[in-house]
Amino acid sequence: MKEVKVGLIGCGTVGTGVCRILIEKQHLISSRVGASVILKYVADLDTETDRGISFDDNIFIKDAFQVIGDPEIDIIIELIGGKTIAKELILKAIEKGKHVVTANKALLAEEGEEIFQAASEKGVSVAFEASAGGCIPIVKTIRESLIGNRIKSMTGILNGTCNYILTKIADEGLSFKDALAMAQKNGFAEADPTLDIEGGDTAHKISLLSTLSYGTRVDLNDVYIEGITGITPLDIEFADEFGYKIKLLAISKALEKSIEVRVHPAMISCDNPLASVHGSLNAVSVTGDATGEIVLYGYGAGMMPTASAVVSDIVDIARDLVSGAVNRLPSSFPLVSTSPVLPIDELITNYYFRFSAADKPGVLSKIAGILGAYGISVKSVHQKGRKSKGPVPIVMLTHIAREADVQKAISEIDSLDVIDDNTVIIRIESDQDEQE
């Protein structure tokens, strides 16, 4: 039986999961590939820690470049992350004519064009299913299952840390700080969770998926990014009263002359499939012109779910090697357009406002007057009764409005002496028919 030899660089949590699958399920994988998929080397600076797997002797080494330089290695698996040494290793592997599997969304989102171009020129594959959505096969769905579609839009919950935190705030009334601490304690958040809670991780994923879907380069600097640190139990309570759930959404839409790519907390209707995605789970809704909407749902992170996605890429490349159809599926669709990303100021949608206002006559009319002056029409108003001395929350939902007008109006309202704190703004993501 033909042998396909692989070398793994980076044996952390996900790398350990990949090793477990490749070693413990070697016979199963080989029977499905038609070749023996053999893990020849694992390169990691830590070669001593017991990873709970029975490795062959001499499989662990510290020098990643030794793995890349081995002429017997067909596929390099890069799982160290980052954008410096990882990029160097991937480009060196491509230069050596080796296929690459990676989960490095940050590198591909920011510098993928160079990597994909190098792979194309060398005639090798770069596979990256695990870079977005964990075990959810979103990359395969876009590249293969929906190949006959024009992708119209994607909306996703793509960060398990944020979804876990928002679920805890909603279900248990925890503060953001306490929910984050619980996420860290239970292993759903890093010690430094900034990239997750500020939306950066989600932005990397939706930028990569948008480039893949629309064939246009998405500059991460053009993507509007807003995290979940400002979401409070009070806002979630109000959202629930109006029939909404608050989620950190990755939103991507193909417009007539541009594309939308944005990441921010949003209210979605309780009957939206994404509203029922709880805890650390992820989900992506994709709408194609032929298929309509499809929804993919599953674990977006973790050792074994992410490792499963990595192994699926290894198997795809191994099958190509067995059949002689190397690079059968290009690493990325060609960039066929230069559609700009719609500036956030031009966004038109519905809005939720929560004002912290003095409990005095005329306050509501002052707020409404300023909103009206900027062409913002109020759909409904909700005011909580006073429970203690001090400001009271006034909540408004709007008809569709332009982001630039909203920001100007809120800036003016926040300067009023009857407003105690910055106004909370949450966009409402709904169907255009509902917006109108």
Protein backbone atom coordinates (compact mmCIF):
# COMPACT_ATOMS: atom_id res chain seq x y z
CA MET A 1 0.00 0.00 0.00
CA LYS A 2 1.26 3.46 -0.89
CA GLU A 3 2.54 5.56 2.01
CA VAL A 4 1.79 9.25 2.58
CA LYS A 5 4.09 10.68 5.24
CA VAL A 6 3.24 13.77 7.25
CA GLY A 7 5.17 16.00 9.61
CA LEU A 8 3.50 18.02 12.36
CA ILE A 9 4.92 21.32 13.59
CA GLY A 10 3.46 22.41 16.91
CA CYS A 11 2.08 19.83 19.33
CA GLY A 12 -0.07 21.87 21.65
CA THR A 13 -3.73 21.17 22.34
CA VAL A 14 -4.88 20.79 18.73
CA GLY A 15 -1.62 19.19 17.61
CA THR A 16 -2.02 16.53 20.29
CA GLY A 17 -5.53 15.85 19.03
CA VAL A 18 -4.25 15.46 15.47
CA CYS A 19 -1.59 13.00 16.65
CA ARG A 20 -4.21 11.02 18.53
CA ILE A 21 -6.43 10.64 15.47
CA LEU A 22 -3.57 9.83 13.09
CA ILE A 23 -2.08 7.21 15.42
CA GLU A 24 -5.13 5.66 17.05
CA LYS A 25 -7.21 5.61 13.86
CA GLN A 26 -4.44 4.85 11.39
CA HIS A 27 -6.08 1.69 10.03
CA LEU A 28 -9.46 3.40 9.63
CA ILE A 29 -7.93 6.37 7.82
CA SER A 30 -5.75 4.17 5.61
CA SER A 31 -8.77 2.10 4.58
CA ARG A 32 -10.61 5.24 3.55
CA VAL A 33 -7.67 6.84 1.76
CA GLY A 34 -6.30 3.77 0.03
CA ALA A 35 -2.84 4.53 1.41
CA SER A 36 -1.07 4.44 4.77
CA VAL A 37 -1.01 7.92 6.30
CA ILE A 38 2.05 7.90 8.54
CA LEU A 39 3.04 10.52 11.10
CA LYS A 40 6.83 10.53 10.71
CA TYR A 41 7.85 13.54 12.78
CA VAL A 42 6.44 15.90 15.39
CA ALA A 43 8.43 19.09 15.87
CA ASP A 44 7.93 20.93 19.15
CA LEU A 45 10.20 22.70 21.61
CA ASP A 46 8.62 20.59 24.37
CA THR A 47 9.58 16.99 23.66
CA GLU A 48 9.24 15.75 27.25
CA THR A 49 5.61 16.33 28.28
CA ASP A 50 3.47 13.20 28.36
CA ARG A 51 0.64 13.84 25.88
CA GLY A 52 -1.19 10.63 26.72
CA ILE A 53 -0.37 9.01 23.37
CA SER A 54 1.90 6.09 22.55
CA PHE A 55 4.37 7.58 20.06
CA ASP A 56 6.96 5.65 18.10
CA ASP A 57 10.57 6.16 19.19
CA ASN A 58 12.41 9.20 17.78
CA ILE A 59 9.22 10.81 16.44
CA PHE A 60 9.70 13.99 18.50
CA ILE A 61 12.33 16.53 17.44
CA LYS A 62 12.82 20.23 18.18
CA ASP A 63 13.93 21.43 14.75
CA ALA A 64 10.93 22.28 12.54
CA PHE A 65 13.16 22.95 9.56
CA GLN A 66 14.46 19.38 9.77
CA VAL A 67 10.89 18.18 9.23
CA ILE A 68 10.44 20.46 6.23
CA GLY A 69 13.79 19.36 4.78
CA ASP A 70 12.98 15.64 4.95
CA PRO A 71 12.42 14.49 1.34
CA GLU A 72 10.07 11.70 2.49
CA ILE A 73 7.57 14.11 4.03
CA ASP A 74 4.63 14.81 1.71
CA ILE A 75 2.46 17.02 3.93
CA ILE A 76 3.44 19.60 6.55
CA ILE A 77 0.92 20.41 9.28
CA GLU A 78 1.51 23.86 10.79
CA LEU A 79 -0.15 24.34 14.19
CA ILE A 80 2.11 26.79 16.01
CA GLY A 81 0.09 29.89 15.06
CA GLY A 82 1.29 33.46 14.79
CA LYS A 83 2.43 35.38 11.75
CA THR A 84 6.22 35.30 11.89
CA ILE A 85 7.93 31.92 12.18
CA ALA A 86 4.74 30.19 11.00
CA LYS A 87 4.80 32.13 7.74
CA GLU A 88 8.48 31.35 7.24
CA LEU A 89 7.88 27.66 7.83
CA ILE A 90 4.88 27.50 5.49
CA LEU A 91 6.69 29.32 2.67
CA LYS A 92 9.75 27.10 3.13
CA ALA A 93 7.56 23.98 2.98
CA ILE A 94 5.94 25.24 -0.24
CA GLU A 95 9.36 26.00 -1.68
CA LYS A 96 10.33 22.38 -0.96
CA GLY A 97 7.26 21.20 -2.89
CA LYS A 98 5.33 20.03 0.15
CA HIS A 99 1.61 20.39 0.72
CA VAL A 100 0.53 22.36 3.77
CA VAL A 101 -2.33 22.00 6.24
CA THR A 102 -2.83 24.87 8.70
CA ALA A 103 -5.36 26.27 11.15
CA ASN A 104 -3.68 29.69 11.15
CA LYS A 105 -6.58 32.07 10.41
CA ALA A 106 -4.67 35.22 11.42
CA LEU A 107 -1.84 34.50 8.99
CA LEU A 108 -4.14 33.55 6.11
CA ALA A 109 -6.49 36.49 6.69
CA GLU A 110 -3.66 39.01 6.68
CA GLU A 111 -1.06 37.44 4.38
CA GLY A 112 -2.84 34.59 2.66
CA GLU A 113 -2.53 36.10 -0.80
CA GLU A 114 1.24 35.68 -0.76
CA ILE A 115 1.00 32.12 0.57
CA PHE A 116 -1.67 31.03 -1.92
CA GLN A 117 0.28 32.59 -4.80
CA ALA A 118 3.43 30.71 -3.78
CA ALA A 119 1.48 27.44 -3.55
CA SER A 120 -0.09 28.00 -6.96
CA GLU A 121 3.29 28.64 -8.58
CA LYS A 122 4.75 25.51 -6.96
CA GLY A 123 1.72 23.33 -7.73
CA VAL A 124 1.01 22.32 -4.13
CA SER A 125 -2.02 22.62 -1.88
CA VAL A 126 -2.62 24.78 1.19
CA ALA A 127 -5.62 23.45 3.14
CA PHE A 128 -7.19 25.36 6.02
CA GLU A 129 -10.55 23.89 7.06
CA ALA A 130 -9.71 24.25 10.75
CA SER A 131 -9.07 27.99 10.43
CA ALA A 132 -12.74 28.95 10.77
CA GLY A 133 -15.47 27.25 12.76
CA GLY A 134 -13.57 24.33 14.30
CA CYS A 135 -15.18 21.10 13.13
CA ILE A 136 -17.81 22.92 11.03
CA PRO A 137 -16.96 22.19 7.35
CA ILE A 138 -17.53 25.76 6.22
CA VAL A 139 -14.45 26.00 3.96
CA LYS A 140 -15.30 22.75 2.19
CA THR A 141 -18.91 23.88 1.85
CA ILE A 142 -17.92 27.13 0.14
CA ARG A 143 -15.19 25.64 -2.05
CA GLU A 144 -17.01 22.47 -3.09
CA SER A 145 -20.64 22.07 -2.07
CA LEU A 146 -21.66 25.60 -3.13
CA ILE A 147 -19.37 25.82 -6.15
CA GLY A 148 -22.36 26.41 -8.46
CA ASN A 149 -23.67 29.29 -6.34
CA ARG A 150 -22.99 32.94 -6.04
CA ILE A 151 -22.72 33.43 -2.29
CA LYS A 152 -25.10 36.21 -1.31
CA SER A 153 -24.40 36.41 2.40
CA MET A 154 -22.90 34.75 5.46
CA THR A 155 -23.78 35.33 9.08
CA GLY A 156 -21.95 33.44 11.77
CA ILE A 157 -21.22 32.91 15.43
CA LEU A 158 -17.56 32.12 15.01
CA ASN A 159 -16.06 32.56 18.46
CA GLY A 160 -16.93 30.08 21.20
CA THR A 161 -15.46 32.25 23.97
CA CYS A 162 -17.78 35.15 23.22
CA ASN A 163 -20.80 32.93 22.75
CA TYR A 164 -20.12 31.21 26.07
CA ILE A 165 -19.84 34.56 27.86
CA LEU A 166 -23.04 35.95 26.33
CA THR A 167 -24.87 32.72 27.18
CA LYS A 168 -23.80 32.97 30.82
CA ILE A 169 -24.87 36.62 31.02
CA ALA A 170 -28.25 35.74 29.50
CA ASP A 171 -28.94 32.55 31.45
CA GLU A 172 -27.48 33.43 34.84
CA GLY A 173 -27.49 37.24 34.90
CA LEU A 174 -23.72 37.39 35.41
CA SER A 175 -21.75 40.54 34.74
CA PHE A 176 -19.37 40.49 31.80
CA LYS A 177 -16.42 40.30 34.21
CA ASP A 178 -17.84 37.30 36.09
CA ALA A 179 -18.85 35.51 32.90
CA LEU A 180 -15.34 35.97 31.50
CA ALA A 181 -13.81 34.62 34.71
CA MET A 182 -16.05 31.55 34.47
CA ALA A 183 -15.03 31.06 30.83
CA GLN A 184 -11.36 31.18 31.81
CA LYS A 185 -11.89 28.80 34.74
CA ASN A 186 -13.63 26.26 32.49
CA GLY A 187 -11.07 26.50 29.70
CA PHE A 188 -13.25 28.39 27.21
CA ALA A 189 -11.14 31.57 27.33
CA GLU A 190 -7.41 32.27 27.26
CA ALA A 191 -5.58 33.96 30.12
CA ASP A 192 -5.39 36.96 27.77
CA PRO A 193 -8.78 36.88 26.02
CA THR A 194 -8.37 40.17 24.15
CA LEU A 195 -8.34 38.74 20.62
CA ASP A 196 -11.57 36.87 21.33
CA ILE A 197 -13.65 39.37 23.32
CA GLU A 198 -12.65 42.38 21.21
CA GLY A 199 -13.74 40.61 18.01
CA GLY A 200 -10.33 40.19 16.35
CA ASP A 201 -10.47 36.39 16.13
CA THR A 202 -13.93 36.53 14.53
CA ALA A 203 -12.74 39.21 12.10
CA HIS A 204 -9.88 37.01 10.90
CA LYS A 205 -12.32 34.20 10.18
CA ILE A 206 -14.99 36.20 8.35
CA SER A 207 -12.33 38.05 6.31
CA LEU A 208 -10.88 34.75 5.14
CA LEU A 209 -14.31 33.28 4.36
CA SER A 210 -15.36 36.45 2.50
CA THR A 211 -12.26 36.40 0.31
CA LEU A 212 -12.98 32.76 -0.47
CA SER A 213 -16.67 33.39 -1.19
CA TYR A 214 -16.51 36.53 -3.29
CA GLY A 215 -13.12 36.24 -4.98
CA THR A 216 -12.06 39.66 -3.75
CA ARG A 217 -9.30 40.53 -1.33
CA VAL A 218 -10.58 41.70 2.05
CA ASP A 219 -8.21 44.01 3.90
CA LEU A 220 -8.65 43.44 7.62
CA ASN A 221 -8.18 47.17 8.15
CA ASP A 222 -11.44 47.78 6.26
CA VAL A 223 -13.47 45.47 8.50
CA TYR A 224 -15.50 47.12 11.26
CA ILE A 225 -14.74 45.29 14.52
CA GLU A 226 -16.52 45.73 17.83
CA GLY A 227 -16.32 43.32 20.77
CA ILE A 228 -18.70 42.31 23.54
CA THR A 229 -17.17 44.06 26.56
CA GLY A 230 -19.97 46.65 26.67
CA ILE A 231 -22.84 44.13 26.78
CA THR A 232 -24.67 44.10 30.12
CA PRO A 233 -27.36 41.89 31.68
CA LEU A 234 -29.72 44.87 31.37
CA ASP A 235 -29.32 45.01 27.58
CA ILE A 236 -29.85 41.27 27.31
CA GLU A 237 -32.98 41.61 29.46
CA PHE A 238 -34.37 44.35 27.22
CA ALA A 239 -33.49 42.35 24.10
CA ASP A 240 -35.44 39.41 25.47
CA GLU A 241 -38.49 41.61 26.12
CA PHE A 242 -38.43 42.72 22.48
CA GLY A 243 -38.06 39.13 21.21
CA TYR A 244 -34.33 39.26 20.44
CA LYS A 245 -31.10 37.55 21.46
CA ILE A 246 -27.72 39.29 21.49
CA LYS A 247 -24.86 37.50 19.73
CA LEU A 248 -21.43 38.49 18.50
CA LEU A 249 -21.98 38.14 14.77
CA ALA A 250 -19.65 37.92 11.81
CA ILE A 251 -21.64 39.42 8.94
CA SER A 252 -20.69 39.31 5.26
CA LYS A 253 -22.87 40.32 2.31
CA ALA A 254 -22.35 40.70 -1.42
CA LEU A 255 -23.84 44.03 -2.50
CA GLU A 256 -24.18 45.45 -5.99
CA LYS A 257 -20.92 47.41 -6.01
CA SER A 258 -19.31 46.49 -2.71
CA ILE A 259 -19.34 43.92 0.06
CA GLU A 260 -20.19 44.17 3.74
CA VAL A 261 -17.77 42.58 6.18
CA ARG A 262 -18.31 43.50 9.83
CA VAL A 263 -18.08 42.04 13.33
CA HIS A 264 -20.09 43.35 16.25
CA PRO A 265 -22.74 42.42 18.81
CA ALA A 266 -26.16 42.32 17.19
CA MET A 267 -29.73 41.58 18.10
CA ILE A 268 -31.36 38.77 16.16
CA SER A 269 -34.92 37.52 16.34
CA CYS A 270 -35.52 34.60 18.72
CA ASP A 271 -36.78 32.53 15.76
CA ASN A 272 -33.48 32.97 13.90
CA PRO A 273 -31.59 29.61 13.95
CA LEU A 274 -28.50 31.38 15.28
CA ALA A 275 -30.43 32.58 18.34
CA SER A 276 -30.52 29.03 19.73
CA VAL A 277 -26.74 28.52 19.48
CA HIS A 278 -25.58 28.43 23.09
CA GLY A 279 -22.40 27.98 25.08
CA SER A 280 -19.16 27.44 23.18
CA LEU A 281 -20.89 26.21 20.02
CA ASN A 282 -20.47 27.94 16.66
CA ALA A 283 -22.81 28.21 13.68
CA VAL A 284 -22.73 29.74 10.22
CA SER A 285 -25.65 30.61 7.97
CA VAL A 286 -24.75 30.79 4.27
CA THR A 287 -27.12 31.93 1.55
CA GLY A 288 -26.44 30.98 -2.06
CA ASP A 289 -28.44 32.08 -5.09
CA ALA A 290 -29.25 28.46 -5.96
CA THR A 291 -29.49 26.84 -2.53
CA GLY A 292 -31.08 29.53 -0.42
CA GLU A 293 -30.05 29.47 3.23
CA ILE A 294 -28.13 26.61 4.80
CA VAL A 295 -26.94 26.48 8.41
CA LEU A 296 -23.88 24.63 9.71
CA TYR A 297 -23.60 24.05 13.45
CA GLY A 298 -21.02 22.47 15.76
CA TYR A 299 -18.10 22.95 18.09
CA GLY A 300 -15.93 25.84 16.98
CA ALA A 301 -12.89 25.04 19.10
CA GLY A 302 -11.35 22.41 21.33
CA MET A 303 -8.80 19.67 20.90
CA MET A 304 -10.73 16.97 19.07
CA PRO A 305 -13.25 19.02 17.03
CA THR A 306 -10.47 21.18 15.56
CA ALA A 307 -8.18 18.19 15.13
CA SER A 308 -10.96 16.48 13.16
CA ALA A 309 -10.97 19.38 10.70
CA VAL A 310 -7.18 19.25 10.35
CA VAL A 311 -7.27 15.52 9.65
CA SER A 312 -9.98 16.02 7.02
CA ASP A 313 -7.54 18.26 5.11
CA ILE A 314 -4.75 15.72 5.46
CA VAL A 315 -7.02 13.01 4.06
CA ASP A 316 -8.12 15.19 1.12
CA ILE A 317 -4.51 15.84 0.12
CA ALA A 318 -3.55 12.20 0.67
CA ARG A 319 -6.35 11.09 -1.66
CA ASP A 320 -5.09 13.49 -4.32
CA LEU A 321 -1.59 12.08 -3.96
CA VAL A 322 -2.90 8.52 -4.31
CA SER A 323 -4.95 9.34 -7.42
CA GLY A 324 -2.26 11.51 -8.99
CA ALA A 325 -4.61 14.50 -9.05
CA VAL A 326 -2.33 16.80 -7.09
CA ASN A 327 -3.71 20.31 -6.58
CA ARG A 328 -7.05 19.12 -7.95
CA LEU A 329 -8.75 21.79 -5.89
CA PRO A 330 -6.95 25.16 -5.86
CA SER A 331 -5.99 26.41 -2.42
CA SER A 332 -8.09 29.51 -2.95
CA PHE A 333 -10.43 30.80 -5.60
CA PRO A 334 -8.75 33.33 -7.90
CA LEU A 335 -9.26 36.98 -6.98
CA VAL A 336 -11.67 37.97 -9.72
CA SER A 337 -12.87 41.35 -8.43
CA THR A 338 -11.81 44.32 -6.36
CA SER A 339 -15.09 45.02 -4.62
CA PRO A 340 -14.49 47.50 -1.79
CA VAL A 341 -15.70 46.84 1.74
CA LEU A 342 -18.65 49.07 2.58
CA PRO A 343 -17.58 51.65 5.19
CA ILE A 344 -19.50 51.19 8.42
CA ASP A 345 -20.79 54.78 8.16
CA GLU A 346 -22.81 53.73 5.11
CA LEU A 347 -24.51 50.81 6.83
CA ILE A 348 -28.30 51.02 6.91
CA THR A 349 -30.07 48.92 9.51
CA ASN A 350 -32.31 49.04 12.59
CA TYR A 351 -30.92 50.07 15.97
CA TYR A 352 -31.40 49.56 19.70
CA PHE A 353 -30.51 52.52 21.92
CA ARG A 354 -30.33 52.53 25.70
CA PHE A 355 -30.03 55.99 27.22
CA SER A 356 -29.11 56.60 30.86
CA ALA A 357 -31.22 59.69 31.46
CA ALA A 358 -32.35 61.94 34.27
CA ASP A 359 -35.90 61.25 35.40
CA LYS A 360 -37.23 64.69 34.47
CA PRO A 361 -40.04 66.02 32.29
CA GLY A 362 -39.04 66.77 28.71
CA VAL A 363 -36.07 64.42 28.53
CA LEU A 364 -37.80 62.05 26.13
CA SER A 365 -38.82 64.87 23.81
CA LYS A 366 -35.24 66.23 23.73
CA ILE A 367 -33.89 62.83 22.71
CA ALA A 368 -36.60 62.26 20.13
CA GLY A 369 -36.08 65.74 18.71
CA ILE A 370 -32.38 65.16 18.08
CA LEU A 371 -33.03 61.75 16.53
CA GLY A 372 -35.68 63.28 14.27
CA ALA A 373 -33.31 66.02 13.18
CA TYR A 374 -31.00 63.34 11.80
CA GLY A 375 -33.82 61.48 10.07
CA ILE A 376 -33.96 58.65 12.62
CA SER A 377 -37.50 57.38 13.14
CA VAL A 378 -38.35 55.69 16.45
CA LYS A 379 -40.28 52.43 16.22
CA SER A 380 -40.88 51.82 19.93
CA VAL A 381 -39.92 53.22 23.34
CA HIS A 382 -39.57 51.44 26.66
CA GLN A 383 -38.78 53.11 29.97
CA LYS A 384 -38.11 51.26 33.21
CA GLY A 385 -39.62 52.69 36.37
CA ARG A 386 -37.36 54.22 38.97
CA LYS A 387 -35.95 51.73 41.48
CA SER A 388 -33.47 54.07 43.17
CA LYS A 389 -32.23 57.60 42.97
CA GLY A 390 -30.29 58.51 39.87
CA PRO A 391 -30.71 58.07 36.11
CA VAL A 392 -33.24 55.72 34.55
CA PRO A 393 -32.83 53.61 31.40
CA ILE A 394 -34.79 54.66 28.31
CA VAL A 395 -34.74 52.14 25.48
CA MET A 396 -35.67 52.85 21.86
CA LEU A 397 -35.85 50.68 18.77
CA THR A 398 -35.59 52.48 15.45
CA HIS A 399 -36.75 52.00 11.91
CA ILE A 400 -33.90 51.70 9.41
CA ALA A 401 -31.31 54.44 9.74
CA ARG A 402 -27.86 55.24 8.43
CA GLU A 403 -24.91 54.55 10.72
CA ALA A 404 -23.31 57.94 10.12
CA ASP A 405 -26.54 59.72 11.13
CA VAL A 406 -26.88 57.50 14.20
CA GLN A 407 -23.36 58.28 15.39
CA LYS A 408 -23.86 62.03 14.96
CA ALA A 409 -27.21 61.97 16.73
CA ILE A 410 -25.95 59.89 19.66
CA SER A 411 -22.89 62.10 20.04
CA GLU A 412 -25.16 65.13 20.35
CA ILE A 413 -27.53 63.36 22.74
CA ASP A 414 -24.67 62.20 24.97
CA SER A 415 -23.57 65.84 25.38
CA LEU A 416 -26.92 66.77 26.99
CA ASP A 417 -26.75 67.53 30.71
CA VAL A 418 -29.68 65.15 31.30
CA ILE A 419 -27.70 62.16 29.97
CA ASP A 420 -25.61 60.46 32.64
CA ASP A 421 -23.54 57.95 30.62
CA ASN A 422 -22.63 57.01 27.06
CA THR A 423 -25.56 55.60 25.13
CA VAL A 424 -25.49 51.88 24.36
CA ILE A 425 -25.94 51.17 20.65
CA ILE A 426 -26.65 47.67 19.35
CA ARG A 427 -27.43 47.01 15.70
CA ILE A 428 -30.40 44.80 14.88
CA GLU A 429 -29.64 42.23 12.20
CA SER A 430 -32.78 41.18 10.39
CA ASP A 431 -34.13 40.46 6.93
CA GLN A 432 -34.48 43.48 4.68
CA ASP A 433 -38.24 42.96 4.57
CA GLU A 434 -38.33 43.26 8.35
CA GLN A 435 -36.16 46.37 8.26
CA GLU A 436 -38.48 48.09 5.85
